[in-house]
Amino acid sequence: MTFAITGLGEPTHGSETLLETRNEIFRELVERDGYRAIAIESDCLMGLAVDDYVTGGAGTLDEVMERGFSHGFGRAAANRALVSWLRAYNRSRSPSERVRFAGFDGPLEMTHAASPREALHGCMTELAPCTSEELDRLIGDDRKWADPAAMMDPSQSVGRTPEAKELRLIADDMASLPMNDERTRLYARTATGLLRYHYWLADTSPDRMAWLLSIRSSMMAANLLAIAEKRKVMAFAHNSHLQREKSSIRLGDHRYEWWSAGAQLGDDYTFLAMAIGTFTDHGVQAPPPDTVEGLLYARPGDRFRVDPADLNHKVKPRESPWFGYAPLDPAHLGSIDGIVFVKAA
């Protein structure tokens, strides 16, 4: 069987309409094309609670929405509807036919990175080069690892202490051990990636932020490729995480570039970019007619799919009045396999 990854990117977070559109597309992929996993831009370790629930585990929907998502995504009604649908779909199916859920982001927020404790303990085996007690001694206080001050001030990070350096060696050793269990391998990948992220949090060079963005993308790509080894998966995240082109972000006076997870996924990857006409809750009004979004906005229909090859590439970039929305870059149309247009987000 051939496994594949389809990425569906959104140009902004916080739109229930975009999430509802995602749900419809994913159900179609499950029922028509045999997709058996969805992975979203959320903490990969927290997502294990959602996967347990949708495959028949104990607990309540309220509990799993609270503790199974990062970035506040558990509060979205469409995410709640997705989890409910997955559990109902799986109820009468064999384990091999169940549809799985995953977060594919690291345990990272814009303000901080998590302690490596959960990830390191999760990949402990009888061959581990240390004891659990030794791990806990080296990790110390979780609050020091997750201190938000470290994001802006490298001197507040514990990522380059002698203990952190020893933990990186231990994590590398454990990741090299033979592991047959998907979850153990996930914990090992997360431990090594998270400790690498903390290492660069403590860096004082101008390349610090570029390294952090790149490490996050590498963690995302590794998680998606691991899922795709077993089943067809649809990934859902911001366009900047799934596009094939180099991504960029401006923070203050600095512009940073990095290769997204989507740029690292190889030939069996299909990228669909979502585009919107308006998002009036955030001041995004009707697009100018000489932009990609303007061409699509003039077409009939509230939601539809378009082949980018059918569009006139001689269009101008759309300017966003709100920092949280990123319009499509016309220069990227040649590397997009399809556009899902939503007239009003």
Protein backbone atom coordinates (compact mmCIF):
# COMPACT_ATOMS: atom_id res chain seq x y z
CA MET A 1 0.00 0.00 0.00
CA THR A 2 1.20 3.53 -0.81
CA PHE A 3 0.96 6.06 1.96
CA ALA A 4 0.67 9.76 1.33
CA ILE A 5 0.40 13.13 3.02
CA THR A 6 -2.05 15.82 1.98
CA GLY A 7 -1.47 19.20 3.57
CA LEU A 8 -4.35 21.65 3.94
CA GLY A 9 -3.09 25.06 4.97
CA GLU A 10 -5.08 27.94 6.41
CA PRO A 11 -4.10 31.61 6.02
CA THR A 12 -5.18 32.53 9.55
CA HIS A 13 -6.18 30.92 12.83
CA GLY A 14 -9.45 31.45 14.63
CA SER A 15 -12.04 30.98 11.86
CA GLU A 16 -14.70 28.36 12.56
CA THR A 17 -15.66 28.48 8.87
CA LEU A 18 -12.18 27.37 7.81
CA LEU A 19 -12.21 24.57 10.37
CA GLU A 20 -15.64 23.42 9.20
CA THR A 21 -14.35 23.38 5.62
CA ARG A 22 -11.39 21.30 6.79
CA ASN A 23 -13.76 18.81 8.43
CA GLU A 24 -15.72 18.40 5.20
CA ILE A 25 -12.58 17.84 3.13
CA PHE A 26 -11.19 15.35 5.63
CA ARG A 27 -14.41 13.32 5.74
CA GLU A 28 -14.27 13.15 1.95
CA LEU A 29 -10.67 11.90 2.06
CA VAL A 30 -11.60 9.25 4.64
CA GLU A 31 -14.69 7.96 2.87
CA ARG A 32 -13.48 8.24 -0.73
CA ASP A 33 -9.70 7.85 -0.62
CA GLY A 34 -8.99 5.72 2.44
CA TYR A 35 -7.25 8.32 4.59
CA ARG A 36 -6.84 7.04 8.12
CA ALA A 37 -5.32 9.94 10.08
CA ILE A 38 -5.62 13.65 10.62
CA ALA A 39 -2.73 15.62 12.11
CA ILE A 40 -3.17 19.21 13.22
CA GLU A 41 -0.89 22.04 14.35
CA SER A 42 -1.09 21.11 18.03
CA ASP A 43 1.17 19.59 20.70
CA CYS A 44 2.06 16.04 19.62
CA LEU A 45 2.11 14.72 23.19
CA MET A 46 -1.18 16.32 24.20
CA GLY A 47 -2.72 14.86 21.04
CA LEU A 48 -2.23 11.33 22.39
CA ALA A 49 -5.18 11.93 24.73
CA VAL A 50 -7.39 12.78 21.74
CA ASP A 51 -6.22 9.69 19.83
CA ASP A 52 -7.01 7.48 22.82
CA TYR A 53 -10.49 8.95 23.05
CA VAL A 54 -11.42 8.70 19.37
CA THR A 55 -10.24 5.09 19.21
CA GLY A 56 -12.57 4.09 22.04
CA GLY A 57 -10.77 5.12 25.20
CA ALA A 58 -12.36 6.24 28.42
CA GLY A 59 -13.07 9.83 29.41
CA THR A 60 -15.42 12.55 28.28
CA LEU A 61 -15.42 14.89 25.32
CA ASP A 62 -15.09 17.89 27.64
CA GLU A 63 -11.99 16.41 29.25
CA VAL A 64 -10.26 15.58 25.99
CA MET A 65 -10.96 19.00 24.48
CA GLU A 66 -9.40 20.63 27.53
CA ARG A 67 -6.24 18.54 27.83
CA GLY A 68 -5.75 17.24 24.28
CA PHE A 69 -5.02 20.48 22.39
CA SER A 70 -2.45 23.25 22.61
CA HIS A 71 -2.59 26.86 21.35
CA GLY A 72 -6.18 27.18 22.65
CA PHE A 73 -7.48 25.03 19.78
CA GLY A 74 -9.59 22.90 22.12
CA ARG A 75 -12.04 25.79 22.43
CA ALA A 76 -13.00 25.69 18.74
CA ALA A 77 -16.45 24.26 18.09
CA ALA A 78 -15.33 22.71 14.79
CA ASN A 79 -12.47 20.90 16.52
CA ARG A 80 -14.97 19.54 19.01
CA ALA A 81 -17.16 18.41 16.10
CA LEU A 82 -14.14 16.70 14.49
CA VAL A 83 -13.35 14.73 17.66
CA SER A 84 -16.99 13.69 18.05
CA TRP A 85 -17.14 12.53 14.43
CA LEU A 86 -13.94 10.52 14.74
CA ARG A 87 -15.16 8.68 17.83
CA ALA A 88 -18.52 7.91 16.19
CA TYR A 89 -16.85 6.78 12.94
CA ASN A 90 -14.47 4.45 14.77
CA ARG A 91 -17.04 2.90 17.07
CA SER A 92 -17.94 -0.05 14.83
CA ARG A 93 -14.64 -0.44 13.01
CA SER A 94 -11.69 -2.77 13.50
CA PRO A 95 -8.41 -1.29 14.80
CA SER A 96 -6.87 -1.32 11.32
CA GLU A 97 -9.77 0.68 9.87
CA ARG A 98 -10.03 3.29 12.62
CA VAL A 99 -9.14 6.87 11.81
CA ARG A 100 -6.42 8.24 14.07
CA PHE A 101 -5.81 11.71 15.45
CA ALA A 102 -2.43 13.35 16.02
CA GLY A 103 -0.91 16.65 16.93
CA PHE A 104 2.23 17.15 14.86
CA ASP A 105 3.63 20.28 16.49
CA GLY A 106 6.20 20.09 19.27
CA PRO A 107 5.31 20.94 22.89
CA LEU A 108 5.93 24.58 22.00
CA GLU A 109 4.06 27.83 22.39
CA MET A 110 4.95 31.31 21.16
CA THR A 111 5.77 32.26 24.74
CA HIS A 112 7.69 29.21 25.94
CA ALA A 113 8.78 25.61 25.42
CA ALA A 114 7.83 22.73 27.68
CA SER A 115 10.05 20.84 30.09
CA PRO A 116 11.50 17.68 28.50
CA ARG A 117 10.34 15.54 31.43
CA GLU A 118 7.29 13.93 29.81
CA ALA A 119 9.09 13.18 26.56
CA LEU A 120 12.16 11.70 28.25
CA HIS A 121 10.18 9.47 30.60
CA GLY A 122 7.97 8.40 27.69
CA CYS A 123 10.89 6.84 25.81
CA MET A 124 12.51 5.09 28.78
CA THR A 125 13.11 1.38 28.16
CA GLU A 126 15.05 -1.33 29.92
CA LEU A 127 18.03 -0.37 27.74
CA ALA A 128 17.99 3.30 28.78
CA PRO A 129 21.43 4.65 29.77
CA CYS A 130 20.14 6.05 33.09
CA THR A 131 17.41 5.61 35.68
CA SER A 132 14.20 7.59 36.02
CA GLU A 133 15.56 9.09 39.22
CA GLU A 134 18.66 10.30 37.43
CA LEU A 135 16.52 11.88 34.72
CA ASP A 136 14.47 13.76 37.30
CA ARG A 137 17.61 15.01 39.05
CA LEU A 138 19.02 16.35 35.81
CA ILE A 139 15.74 17.95 34.74
CA GLY A 140 15.15 19.70 38.05
CA ASP A 141 12.34 22.25 38.28
CA ASP A 142 9.98 22.17 35.28
CA ARG A 143 9.20 25.85 35.79
CA LYS A 144 12.74 26.82 34.84
CA TRP A 145 12.41 25.08 31.48
CA ALA A 146 9.03 26.68 30.71
CA ASP A 147 9.92 30.19 31.92
CA PRO A 148 8.45 32.65 29.36
CA ALA A 149 11.30 35.06 30.07
CA ALA A 150 13.65 32.73 28.16
CA MET A 151 11.91 33.45 24.87
CA MET A 152 13.09 37.06 24.91
CA ASP A 153 16.16 36.76 27.14
CA PRO A 154 18.58 33.90 26.36
CA SER A 155 20.26 34.29 29.74
CA GLN A 156 17.07 33.02 31.39
CA SER A 157 17.16 29.71 29.47
CA VAL A 158 18.47 26.50 31.08
CA GLY A 159 19.11 24.96 27.66
CA ARG A 160 22.91 25.10 27.89
CA THR A 161 23.49 24.16 31.50
CA PRO A 162 25.70 21.11 32.20
CA GLU A 163 22.55 19.18 33.13
CA ALA A 164 20.83 20.09 29.85
CA LYS A 165 23.88 19.02 27.85
CA GLU A 166 23.92 15.67 29.65
CA LEU A 167 20.20 15.24 28.96
CA ARG A 168 20.83 15.80 25.25
CA LEU A 169 23.35 12.96 25.22
CA ILE A 170 20.93 10.69 27.08
CA ALA A 171 18.09 11.58 24.69
CA ASP A 172 20.29 10.89 21.66
CA ASP A 173 21.27 7.51 23.09
CA MET A 174 17.64 6.58 23.79
CA ALA A 175 16.52 7.70 20.34
CA SER A 176 19.10 5.35 18.78
CA LEU A 177 17.71 2.31 20.60
CA PRO A 178 15.43 -0.11 18.70
CA MET A 179 11.80 0.88 19.29
CA ASN A 180 8.86 -0.98 17.82
CA ASP A 181 6.16 1.13 19.43
CA GLU A 182 4.95 4.25 17.58
CA ARG A 183 4.43 6.18 20.78
CA THR A 184 7.85 5.41 22.21
CA ARG A 185 9.43 6.66 18.99
CA LEU A 186 7.27 9.80 19.20
CA TYR A 187 8.49 10.48 22.73
CA ALA A 188 12.10 9.95 21.63
CA ARG A 189 11.77 12.32 18.66
CA THR A 190 10.13 14.90 20.88
CA ALA A 191 12.78 14.63 23.58
CA THR A 192 15.67 15.20 21.17
CA GLY A 193 13.88 18.00 19.33
CA LEU A 194 12.77 19.74 22.50
CA LEU A 195 16.24 19.67 24.04
CA ARG A 196 17.69 21.00 20.81
CA TYR A 197 15.10 23.80 20.90
CA HIS A 198 16.03 24.68 24.49
CA TYR A 199 19.70 24.70 23.50
CA TRP A 200 19.04 27.40 20.91
CA LEU A 201 16.78 29.33 23.28
CA ALA A 202 19.97 29.98 25.25
CA ASP A 203 21.86 31.20 22.19
CA THR A 204 22.85 34.87 21.90
CA SER A 205 23.72 35.02 18.19
CA PRO A 206 21.63 36.79 15.50
CA ASP A 207 20.70 33.34 14.14
CA ARG A 208 18.84 32.33 17.32
CA MET A 209 15.28 32.86 16.06
CA ALA A 210 15.98 31.28 12.67
CA TRP A 211 17.30 28.19 14.46
CA LEU A 212 14.18 27.99 16.66
CA LEU A 213 11.86 28.24 13.66
CA SER A 214 13.84 25.60 11.77
CA ILE A 215 13.89 23.16 14.68
CA ARG A 216 10.14 23.47 15.11
CA SER A 217 9.62 22.75 11.40
CA SER A 218 11.93 19.74 11.54
CA MET A 219 9.97 18.33 14.47
CA MET A 220 6.71 18.85 12.55
CA ALA A 221 8.04 17.16 9.41
CA ALA A 222 9.44 14.18 11.34
CA ASN A 223 6.10 13.62 13.04
CA LEU A 224 4.17 13.74 9.77
CA LEU A 225 6.56 11.36 8.02
CA ALA A 226 6.30 8.91 10.92
CA ILE A 227 2.48 8.92 10.71
CA ALA A 228 2.63 8.44 6.93
CA GLU A 229 4.69 5.28 7.35
CA LYS A 230 1.52 3.54 8.56
CA ARG A 231 -1.44 5.33 6.97
CA LYS A 232 -2.58 8.10 4.66
CA VAL A 233 -2.72 11.36 6.60
CA MET A 234 -4.15 14.83 6.11
CA ALA A 235 -2.14 17.56 7.85
CA PHE A 236 -3.82 20.81 8.84
CA ALA A 237 -1.89 23.89 9.91
CA HIS A 238 -1.11 27.43 8.88
CA ASN A 239 -0.01 27.76 5.25
CA SER A 240 3.43 28.88 6.44
CA HIS A 241 4.00 25.45 8.01
CA LEU A 242 2.83 23.41 5.02
CA GLN A 243 3.91 25.32 1.91
CA ARG A 244 6.77 24.12 -0.25
CA GLU A 245 8.33 27.56 -0.56
CA LYS A 246 10.53 29.17 2.08
CA SER A 247 8.47 30.71 4.89
CA SER A 248 9.09 34.03 6.58
CA ILE A 249 7.92 36.04 9.56
CA ARG A 250 8.58 39.58 10.73
CA LEU A 251 9.16 40.11 14.43
CA GLY A 252 9.76 43.75 15.25
CA ASP A 253 12.42 45.09 12.90
CA HIS A 254 13.68 41.65 11.91
CA ARG A 255 12.53 39.32 9.15
CA TYR A 256 13.31 35.62 9.56
CA GLU A 257 13.16 32.88 6.94
CA TRP A 258 13.05 29.10 7.28
CA TRP A 259 12.06 25.98 5.38
CA SER A 260 8.65 24.81 6.55
CA ALA A 261 7.60 21.26 7.36
CA GLY A 262 5.87 21.05 3.97
CA ALA A 263 9.14 21.76 2.20
CA GLN A 264 10.64 18.65 3.83
CA LEU A 265 7.98 16.05 2.98
CA GLY A 266 9.17 14.72 -0.38
CA ASP A 267 7.39 13.57 -3.51
CA ASP A 268 4.34 11.86 -1.96
CA TYR A 269 3.06 15.19 -0.66
CA THR A 270 0.12 17.21 -1.94
CA PHE A 271 -0.34 20.79 -0.77
CA LEU A 272 -3.72 22.54 -0.80
CA ALA A 273 -3.68 26.16 0.30
CA MET A 274 -6.78 27.81 1.71
CA ALA A 275 -7.52 31.40 0.70
CA ILE A 276 -10.19 33.76 1.99
CA GLY A 277 -12.12 36.70 0.62
CA THR A 278 -13.14 38.46 3.82
CA PHE A 279 -12.62 38.04 7.55
CA THR A 280 -14.66 40.98 8.78
CA ASP A 281 -14.18 40.20 12.47
CA HIS A 282 -10.59 41.33 11.97
CA GLY A 283 -11.09 44.10 9.43
CA VAL A 284 -10.27 42.04 6.34
CA GLN A 285 -12.69 43.35 3.72
CA ALA A 286 -13.28 42.43 0.07
CA PRO A 287 -9.95 41.89 -1.75
CA PRO A 288 -8.72 44.11 -4.59
CA PRO A 289 -9.68 42.58 -7.97
CA ASP A 290 -6.06 42.36 -9.17
CA THR A 291 -5.01 39.91 -6.42
CA VAL A 292 -5.37 36.11 -6.29
CA GLU A 293 -8.10 36.46 -3.70
CA GLY A 294 -9.79 39.15 -5.80
CA LEU A 295 -9.95 36.89 -8.86
CA LEU A 296 -11.51 34.14 -6.76
CA TYR A 297 -13.84 36.50 -4.91
CA ALA A 298 -15.43 37.51 -8.23
CA ARG A 299 -16.42 33.91 -8.97
CA PRO A 300 -19.81 32.52 -7.91
CA GLY A 301 -20.05 30.32 -4.84
CA ASP A 302 -19.14 30.58 -1.17
CA ARG A 303 -16.62 27.71 -1.08
CA PHE A 304 -14.89 25.96 -3.95
CA ARG A 305 -11.62 24.42 -5.13
CA VAL A 306 -9.42 25.79 -7.89
CA ASP A 307 -6.41 24.59 -9.85
CA PRO A 308 -3.77 27.33 -9.52
CA ALA A 309 -2.77 26.70 -13.13
CA ASP A 310 -6.13 28.14 -14.19
CA LEU A 311 -5.39 31.52 -12.59
CA ASN A 312 -3.70 34.49 -14.16
CA HIS A 313 -0.33 34.67 -12.44
CA LYS A 314 0.07 38.36 -13.29
CA VAL A 315 -1.56 39.54 -10.13
CA LYS A 316 -0.40 41.69 -7.24
CA PRO A 317 0.18 40.50 -3.67
CA ARG A 318 -2.71 41.32 -1.37
CA GLU A 319 -1.90 43.54 1.60
CA SER A 320 -3.33 42.39 4.94
CA PRO A 321 -4.72 45.00 7.33
CA TRP A 322 -4.39 42.53 10.19
CA PHE A 323 -1.14 40.86 11.27
CA GLY A 324 -2.88 37.53 11.92
CA TYR A 325 -3.85 36.94 8.29
CA ALA A 326 -1.35 36.03 5.55
CA PRO A 327 -2.68 36.33 1.97
CA LEU A 328 -1.44 33.97 -0.73
CA ASP A 329 1.82 34.98 -2.37
CA PRO A 330 1.30 34.95 -6.17
CA ALA A 331 4.93 33.85 -6.55
CA HIS A 332 4.04 30.58 -4.79
CA LEU A 333 1.20 29.53 -7.11
CA GLY A 334 3.44 27.21 -9.12
CA SER A 335 4.20 25.10 -6.03
CA ILE A 336 0.58 24.77 -4.84
CA ASP A 337 -1.41 21.73 -5.98
CA GLY A 338 -4.82 23.26 -5.30
CA ILE A 339 -6.54 26.25 -3.70
CA VAL A 340 -9.58 25.93 -1.43
CA PHE A 341 -11.31 29.30 -1.48
CA VAL A 342 -13.68 30.46 1.25
CA LYS A 343 -15.44 33.70 0.42
CA ALA A 344 -16.14 34.73 4.02
CA ALA A 345 -14.07 33.30 6.87
